[in-house]
C-alpha cells in the first residue's frame, strides 16, 4: 500500500482548530513517541502529522503537525486539538441504514516534509505498529464496528495497536476458502493512550503501512 495525495481534502490544517496564535485550546488527545532514522540523509525540516484515510473514495486528509527536532532518536509530542471532519470519517452506518454501527476515522501517524506538503511521495516515515482511531459515538456491543475495532470503544480518540495478517492466518483462511476469498487486513486493538509510539524514517518501499482497510 503506497501513499498518494491525489484527492486530498484540503483546508484541514491544524491551525483551523486553534483559538488564536497564542492559545491552541485544550487537547482532545495527545500522542507521544520516538522517531528513528533509516534514511541515508534526513531532511532538515520534518513534521509528525496525522493522515486520515477515507476508504470509500480513497481520499486523504492531513491534520495536525509538530516539528521533529533534535538528534535521532528524536522525541515528539503531538496534541490533537479537534475531531476529524465529517468528510474524514468512514461511515459504517451507510447513511443511517445500519444505525447500530459507527462513523470511524483512522489516521496514520506519519512524518512529512513540510516543503512538499501533501504531494505524492512526500512521506518520510510512519508508525508501523500503531494508528489513531476516532469514533463518533459509543460502539454498540455485538456490532461489526466492535469487531473491526477490537472492542466496544467509547466515543472519541483511541490509540490502536496494529496486528499484521500472518502467513499462518492466510493459510488457514485459504484452507476454508479454496477459491481465495481471503482479505489480508490487519487487526486493530486499543492500547494504553500513554504508549510511546515508534515512528521510523525510511524509503516508503521499506516501510510497513498498516493495512486495516
C-alpha atoms as a PDB file:
ATOM      1  CA  UNK A   1       0.000   0.000   0.000  1.00  0.00           C
ATOM      2  CA  UNK A   2       1.506   3.320  -1.045  1.00  0.00           C
ATOM      3  CA  UNK A   3       0.543   6.873  -0.328  1.00  0.00           C
ATOM      4  CA  UNK A   4      -0.773   9.192  -2.998  1.00  0.00           C
ATOM      5  CA  UNK A   5      -2.058  12.640  -2.267  1.00  0.00           C
ATOM      6  CA  UNK A   6      -4.468  12.847  -5.226  1.00  0.00           C
ATOM      7  CA  UNK A   7      -7.908  13.624  -3.809  1.00  0.00           C
ATOM      8  CA  UNK A   8      -6.605  15.133  -0.576  1.00  0.00           C
ATOM      9  CA  UNK A   9      -9.241  17.045   1.318  1.00  0.00           C
ATOM     10  CA  UNK A  10      -7.676  20.465   1.681  1.00  0.00           C
ATOM     11  CA  UNK A  11      -8.391  23.111   4.280  1.00  0.00           C
ATOM     12  CA  UNK A  12      -7.949  20.708   7.166  1.00  0.00           C
ATOM     13  CA  UNK A  13      -4.741  22.099   8.673  1.00  0.00           C
ATOM     14  CA  UNK A  14      -4.391  22.002  12.431  1.00  0.00           C
ATOM     15  CA  UNK A  15      -4.484  25.788  12.652  1.00  0.00           C
ATOM     16  CA  UNK A  16      -8.191  25.673  11.788  1.00  0.00           C
ATOM     17  CA  UNK A  17      -8.840  24.328  15.263  1.00  0.00           C
ATOM     18  CA  UNK A  18      -6.738  26.884  17.089  1.00  0.00           C
ATOM     19  CA  UNK A  19      -8.451  29.618  19.020  1.00  0.00           C
ATOM     20  CA  UNK A  20      -5.649  32.071  18.192  1.00  0.00           C
ATOM     21  CA  UNK A  21      -1.894  32.151  17.726  1.00  0.00           C
ATOM     22  CA  UNK A  22      -1.280  32.341  21.478  1.00  0.00           C
ATOM     23  CA  UNK A  23      -3.803  29.778  22.709  1.00  0.00           C
ATOM     24  CA  UNK A  24      -4.254  26.491  20.870  1.00  0.00           C
ATOM     25  CA  UNK A  25      -7.041  25.174  23.046  1.00  0.00           C
ATOM     26  CA  UNK A  26      -7.234  22.103  25.245  1.00  0.00           C
ATOM     27  CA  UNK A  27      -6.059  18.912  23.517  1.00  0.00           C
ATOM     28  CA  UNK A  28      -8.649  16.193  22.986  1.00  0.00           C
ATOM     29  CA  UNK A  29      -5.903  13.568  22.790  1.00  0.00           C
ATOM     30  CA  UNK A  30      -2.115  13.531  22.980  1.00  0.00           C
ATOM     31  CA  UNK A  31       0.370  11.286  21.203  1.00  0.00           C
ATOM     32  CA  UNK A  32       3.989  10.826  22.173  1.00  0.00           C
ATOM     33  CA  UNK A  33       6.741   8.786  20.654  1.00  0.00           C
ATOM     34  CA  UNK A  34      10.196   8.490  19.150  1.00  0.00           C
ATOM     35  CA  UNK A  35      11.328   8.997  15.554  1.00  0.00           C
ATOM     36  CA  UNK A  36      14.218   6.797  14.407  1.00  0.00           C
ATOM     37  CA  UNK A  37      16.034   7.276  11.120  1.00  0.00           C
ATOM     38  CA  UNK A  38      16.951   4.701   8.459  1.00  0.00           C
ATOM     39  CA  UNK A  39      17.220   7.230   5.621  1.00  0.00           C
ATOM     40  CA  UNK A  40      20.678   7.893   4.137  1.00  0.00           C
ATOM     41  CA  UNK A  41      20.075  11.592   4.762  1.00  0.00           C
ATOM     42  CA  UNK A  42      17.049  13.020   6.561  1.00  0.00           C
ATOM     43  CA  UNK A  43      15.664  16.452   5.580  1.00  0.00           C
ATOM     44  CA  UNK A  44      16.381  19.290   7.976  1.00  0.00           C
ATOM     45  CA  UNK A  45      12.645  20.029   8.355  1.00  0.00           C
ATOM     46  CA  UNK A  46      10.088  17.327   9.106  1.00  0.00           C
ATOM     47  CA  UNK A  47       6.701  17.180  10.783  1.00  0.00           C
ATOM     48  CA  UNK A  48       4.807  14.407  12.519  1.00  0.00           C
ATOM     49  CA  UNK A  49       1.308  14.602  11.029  1.00  0.00           C
ATOM     50  CA  UNK A  50      -1.908  12.628  11.057  1.00  0.00           C
ATOM     51  CA  UNK A  51      -3.198  11.329   7.727  1.00  0.00           C
ATOM     52  CA  UNK A  52      -6.869  10.319   7.903  1.00  0.00           C
ATOM     53  CA  UNK A  53      -7.770   7.746   5.249  1.00  0.00           C
ATOM     54  CA  UNK A  54     -11.272   7.573   3.782  1.00  0.00           C
ATOM     55  CA  UNK A  55     -11.546   4.173   2.144  1.00  0.00           C
ATOM     56  CA  UNK A  56     -14.752   4.757   0.179  1.00  0.00           C
ATOM     57  CA  UNK A  57     -13.181   7.433  -2.013  1.00  0.00           C
ATOM     58  CA  UNK A  58      -9.509   6.681  -1.346  1.00  0.00           C
ATOM     59  CA  UNK A  59      -9.161  10.263  -0.097  1.00  0.00           C
ATOM     60  CA  UNK A  60      -6.693  11.538   2.470  1.00  0.00           C
ATOM     61  CA  UNK A  61      -6.994  14.386   4.939  1.00  0.00           C
ATOM     62  CA  UNK A  62      -3.825  15.673   6.604  1.00  0.00           C
ATOM     63  CA  UNK A  63      -4.270  17.300  10.007  1.00  0.00           C
ATOM     64  CA  UNK A  64      -2.159  18.371  12.962  1.00  0.00           C
ATOM     65  CA  UNK A  65       1.595  18.746  12.687  1.00  0.00           C
ATOM     66  CA  UNK A  66       4.552  19.116  15.017  1.00  0.00           C
ATOM     67  CA  UNK A  67       8.215  19.566  14.022  1.00  0.00           C
ATOM     68  CA  UNK A  68      10.713  16.746  14.528  1.00  0.00           C
ATOM     69  CA  UNK A  69      13.718  18.301  16.246  1.00  0.00           C
ATOM     70  CA  UNK A  70      16.944  17.116  17.826  1.00  0.00           C
ATOM     71  CA  UNK A  71      19.191  14.170  17.168  1.00  0.00           C
ATOM     72  CA  UNK A  72      17.818  10.727  16.362  1.00  0.00           C
ATOM     73  CA  UNK A  73      16.114   9.010  18.003  1.00  0.00           C
ATOM     74  CA  UNK A  74      14.054  12.211  18.323  1.00  0.00           C
ATOM     75  CA  UNK A  75      11.193  12.545  20.776  1.00  0.00           C
ATOM     76  CA  UNK A  76       7.868  14.043  19.717  1.00  0.00           C
ATOM     77  CA  UNK A  77       4.614  15.020  21.398  1.00  0.00           C
ATOM     78  CA  UNK A  78       1.526  15.799  19.336  1.00  0.00           C
ATOM     79  CA  UNK A  79      -1.682  17.312  20.739  1.00  0.00           C
ATOM     80  CA  UNK A  80      -4.845  16.628  18.761  1.00  0.00           C
ATOM     81  CA  UNK A  81      -6.990  19.748  19.044  1.00  0.00           C
ATOM     82  CA  UNK A  82     -10.130  18.804  17.135  1.00  0.00           C
ATOM     83  CA  UNK A  83     -12.009  15.755  15.876  1.00  0.00           C
ATOM     84  CA  UNK A  84     -11.574  14.766  12.234  1.00  0.00           C
ATOM     85  CA  UNK A  85     -14.121  16.396   9.949  1.00  0.00           C
ATOM     86  CA  UNK A  86     -17.203  14.546   8.772  1.00  0.00           C
ATOM     87  CA  UNK A  87     -15.539  14.067   5.387  1.00  0.00           C
ATOM     88  CA  UNK A  88     -12.644  12.289   7.097  1.00  0.00           C
ATOM     89  CA  UNK A  89     -14.820   9.589   8.663  1.00  0.00           C
ATOM     90  CA  UNK A  90     -15.649   6.170   7.262  1.00  0.00           C
ATOM     91  CA  UNK A  91     -19.433   5.916   7.540  1.00  0.00           C
ATOM     92  CA  UNK A  92     -20.135   2.330   8.548  1.00  0.00           C
ATOM     93  CA  UNK A  93     -23.781   3.261   9.155  1.00  0.00           C
ATOM     94  CA  UNK A  94     -24.056   3.770   5.379  1.00  0.00           C
ATOM     95  CA  UNK A  95     -26.114   6.905   5.712  1.00  0.00           C
ATOM     96  CA  UNK A  96     -28.101   5.559   8.658  1.00  0.00           C
ATOM     97  CA  UNK A  97     -29.016   2.242   7.024  1.00  0.00           C
ATOM     98  CA  UNK A  98     -27.208   0.453   9.868  1.00  0.00           C
ATOM     99  CA  UNK A  99     -27.840   2.634  12.949  1.00  0.00           C
ATOM    100  CA  UNK A 100     -26.070   0.191  15.276  1.00  0.00           C
ATOM    101  CA  UNK A 101     -22.765   0.953  13.551  1.00  0.00           C
ATOM    102  CA  UNK A 102     -20.439   3.950  13.986  1.00  0.00           C
ATOM    103  CA  UNK A 103     -18.619   6.505  11.878  1.00  0.00           C
ATOM    104  CA  UNK A 104     -14.917   5.801  12.293  1.00  0.00           C
ATOM    105  CA  UNK A 105     -11.823   7.817  11.445  1.00  0.00           C
ATOM    106  CA  UNK A 106      -8.466   6.040  11.135  1.00  0.00           C
ATOM    107  CA  UNK A 107      -5.260   8.066  10.924  1.00  0.00           C
ATOM    108  CA  UNK A 108      -1.751   7.007  10.004  1.00  0.00           C
ATOM    109  CA  UNK A 109       0.888   8.678  12.196  1.00  0.00           C
ATOM    110  CA  UNK A 110       3.370   9.905   9.605  1.00  0.00           C
ATOM    111  CA  UNK A 111       6.395  12.115   9.086  1.00  0.00           C
ATOM    112  CA  UNK A 112       6.077  14.513   6.145  1.00  0.00           C
ATOM    113  CA  UNK A 113       8.366  17.066   4.555  1.00  0.00           C
ATOM    114  CA  UNK A 114       6.629  20.448   5.107  1.00  0.00           C
ATOM    115  CA  UNK A 115       8.260  21.772   1.931  1.00  0.00           C
ATOM    116  CA  UNK A 116       6.379  19.160  -0.102  1.00  0.00           C
ATOM    117  CA  UNK A 117       3.191  19.191   1.926  1.00  0.00           C
ATOM    118  CA  UNK A 118       0.631  16.762   0.554  1.00  0.00           C
ATOM    119  CA  UNK A 119       2.285  15.975  -2.761  1.00  0.00           C
ATOM    120  CA  UNK A 120       2.792  12.422  -3.988  1.00  0.00           C
ATOM    121  CA  UNK A 121       5.661  10.504  -2.401  1.00  0.00           C
ATOM    122  CA  UNK A 122       6.125  13.101   0.331  1.00  0.00           C
ATOM    123  CA  UNK A 123       6.024  10.570   3.174  1.00  0.00           C
ATOM    124  CA  UNK A 124       9.318  10.210   5.021  1.00  0.00           C
ATOM    125  CA  UNK A 125       8.238   7.869   7.775  1.00  0.00           C
ATOM    126  CA  UNK A 126       5.321   6.222   9.548  1.00  0.00           C
ATOM    127  CA  UNK A 127       4.278   4.458  12.743  1.00  0.00           C
ATOM    128  CA  UNK A 128       4.305   0.860  11.547  1.00  0.00           C
ATOM    129  CA  UNK A 129       2.729  -0.585  14.694  1.00  0.00           C
ATOM    130  CA  UNK A 130       0.044   1.959  15.601  1.00  0.00           C
ATOM    131  CA  UNK A 131      -2.789   4.060  14.194  1.00  0.00           C
ATOM    132  CA  UNK A 132      -5.071   6.647  15.783  1.00  0.00           C
ATOM    133  CA  UNK A 133      -8.819   5.953  15.720  1.00  0.00           C
ATOM    134  CA  UNK A 134     -11.762   8.283  16.290  1.00  0.00           C
ATOM    135  CA  UNK A 135     -15.339   7.061  16.750  1.00  0.00           C
ATOM    136  CA  UNK A 136     -18.271   9.458  16.635  1.00  0.00           C
ATOM    137  CA  UNK A 137     -20.371   7.517  19.180  1.00  0.00           C
ATOM    138  CA  UNK A 138     -20.080   4.709  21.717  1.00  0.00           C
ATOM    139  CA  UNK A 139     -19.625   1.463  19.792  1.00  0.00           C
ATOM    140  CA  UNK A 140     -22.548  -0.937  20.197  1.00  0.00           C
ATOM    141  CA  UNK A 141     -21.568  -4.361  21.611  1.00  0.00           C
ATOM    142  CA  UNK A 142     -22.103  -7.084  19.033  1.00  0.00           C
ATOM    143  CA  UNK A 143     -21.847  -4.705  16.076  1.00  0.00           C
ATOM    144  CA  UNK A 144     -19.455  -5.029  13.164  1.00  0.00           C
ATOM    145  CA  UNK A 145     -17.785  -1.825  14.391  1.00  0.00           C
ATOM    146  CA  UNK A 146     -16.904  -3.604  17.649  1.00  0.00           C
ATOM    147  CA  UNK A 147     -15.361  -6.493  15.716  1.00  0.00           C
ATOM    148  CA  UNK A 148     -13.403  -4.147  13.459  1.00  0.00           C
ATOM    149  CA  UNK A 149     -12.071  -2.044  16.344  1.00  0.00           C
ATOM    150  CA  UNK A 150     -11.323  -4.911  18.704  1.00  0.00           C
ATOM    151  CA  UNK A 151     -13.750  -3.718  21.355  1.00  0.00           C
ATOM    152  CA  UNK A 152     -16.836  -1.665  22.170  1.00  0.00           C
ATOM    153  CA  UNK A 153     -14.918   1.620  22.282  1.00  0.00           C
ATOM    154  CA  UNK A 154     -16.321   4.797  23.783  1.00  0.00           C
ATOM    155  CA  UNK A 155     -16.850   7.865  21.614  1.00  0.00           C
ATOM    156  CA  UNK A 156     -13.653   9.822  20.981  1.00  0.00           C
ATOM    157  CA  UNK A 157      -9.997   9.080  20.248  1.00  0.00           C
ATOM    158  CA  UNK A 158      -8.164   5.791  20.817  1.00  0.00           C
ATOM    159  CA  UNK A 159      -4.596   4.706  20.170  1.00  0.00           C
ATOM    160  CA  UNK A 160      -4.642   1.315  18.439  1.00  0.00           C
ATOM    161  CA  UNK A 161      -2.038  -1.395  18.021  1.00  0.00           C
ATOM    162  CA  UNK A 162      -1.711  -2.979  14.571  1.00  0.00           C
ATOM    163  CA  UNK A 163      -1.511  -6.775  14.405  1.00  0.00           C
ATOM    164  CA  UNK A 164      -0.412  -7.686  10.855  1.00  0.00           C
ATOM    165  CA  UNK A 165      -2.004 -10.550   8.955  1.00  0.00           C
ATOM    166  CA  UNK A 166       0.285 -13.570   9.163  1.00  0.00           C
ATOM    167  CA  UNK A 167       1.147 -16.316   6.689  1.00  0.00           C
ATOM    168  CA  UNK A 168      -0.453 -18.829   9.073  1.00  0.00           C
ATOM    169  CA  UNK A 169      -3.722 -16.863   9.073  1.00  0.00           C
ATOM    170  CA  UNK A 170      -3.666 -16.673   5.286  1.00  0.00           C
ATOM    171  CA  UNK A 171      -3.070 -20.436   5.011  1.00  0.00           C
ATOM    172  CA  UNK A 172      -5.939 -21.169   7.414  1.00  0.00           C
ATOM    173  CA  UNK A 173      -8.214 -18.822   5.501  1.00  0.00           C
ATOM    174  CA  UNK A 174      -7.322 -20.383   2.152  1.00  0.00           C
ATOM    175  CA  UNK A 175      -7.993 -23.844   3.570  1.00  0.00           C
ATOM    176  CA  UNK A 176     -11.520 -22.749   4.436  1.00  0.00           C
ATOM    177  CA  UNK A 177     -11.890 -20.709   1.241  1.00  0.00           C
ATOM    178  CA  UNK A 178     -10.093 -22.591  -1.535  1.00  0.00           C
ATOM    179  CA  UNK A 179     -11.282 -20.049  -4.122  1.00  0.00           C
ATOM    180  CA  UNK A 180      -9.091 -17.473  -2.401  1.00  0.00           C
ATOM    181  CA  UNK A 181     -11.680 -15.097  -0.926  1.00  0.00           C
ATOM    182  CA  UNK A 182      -9.301 -14.015   1.826  1.00  0.00           C
ATOM    183  CA  UNK A 183      -8.733 -10.391   2.708  1.00  0.00           C
ATOM    184  CA  UNK A 184      -5.380  -9.676   4.285  1.00  0.00           C
ATOM    185  CA  UNK A 185      -6.436  -6.986   6.748  1.00  0.00           C
ATOM    186  CA  UNK A 186      -4.514  -6.174   9.909  1.00  0.00           C
ATOM    187  CA  UNK A 187      -6.334  -6.469  13.225  1.00  0.00           C
ATOM    188  CA  UNK A 188      -6.672  -3.397  15.446  1.00  0.00           C
ATOM    189  CA  UNK A 189      -6.846  -3.356  19.235  1.00  0.00           C
ATOM    190  CA  UNK A 190      -6.886  -0.487  21.751  1.00  0.00           C
ATOM    191  CA  UNK A 191      -3.776   0.152  23.833  1.00  0.00           C
ATOM    192  CA  UNK A 192      -2.830   2.477  26.665  1.00  0.00           C
ATOM    193  CA  UNK A 193      -3.014   6.060  25.325  1.00  0.00           C
ATOM    194  CA  UNK A 194       0.273   6.775  27.117  1.00  0.00           C
ATOM    195  CA  UNK A 195       2.080   4.193  24.960  1.00  0.00           C
ATOM    196  CA  UNK A 196       5.232   5.599  23.344  1.00  0.00           C
ATOM    197  CA  UNK A 197       4.827   5.277  19.576  1.00  0.00           C
ATOM    198  CA  UNK A 198       7.829   4.252  17.446  1.00  0.00           C
ATOM    199  CA  UNK A 199       7.950   6.080  14.110  1.00  0.00           C
ATOM    200  CA  UNK A 200      10.576   5.083  11.550  1.00  0.00           C
ATOM    201  CA  UNK A 201      12.032   7.121   8.686  1.00  0.00           C
ATOM    202  CA  UNK A 202      12.923   5.129   5.574  1.00  0.00           C
ATOM    203  CA  UNK A 203      12.227   4.807   1.877  1.00  0.00           C
ATOM    204  CA  UNK A 204       8.436   4.194   1.541  1.00  0.00           C
ATOM    205  CA  UNK A 205       9.117   0.856  -0.151  1.00  0.00           C
ATOM    206  CA  UNK A 206      10.854  -0.317   3.031  1.00  0.00           C
ATOM    207  CA  UNK A 207       8.148   0.824   5.445  1.00  0.00           C
ATOM    208  CA  UNK A 208       5.216  -1.258   6.640  1.00  0.00           C
ATOM    209  CA  UNK A 209       1.975   0.638   6.001  1.00  0.00           C
ATOM    210  CA  UNK A 210      -0.755  -0.606   8.356  1.00  0.00           C
ATOM    211  CA  UNK A 211      -3.347  -2.349   6.185  1.00  0.00           C
ATOM    212  CA  UNK A 212      -6.620  -2.037   8.107  1.00  0.00           C
ATOM    213  CA  UNK A 213      -8.738  -1.358   5.008  1.00  0.00           C
END
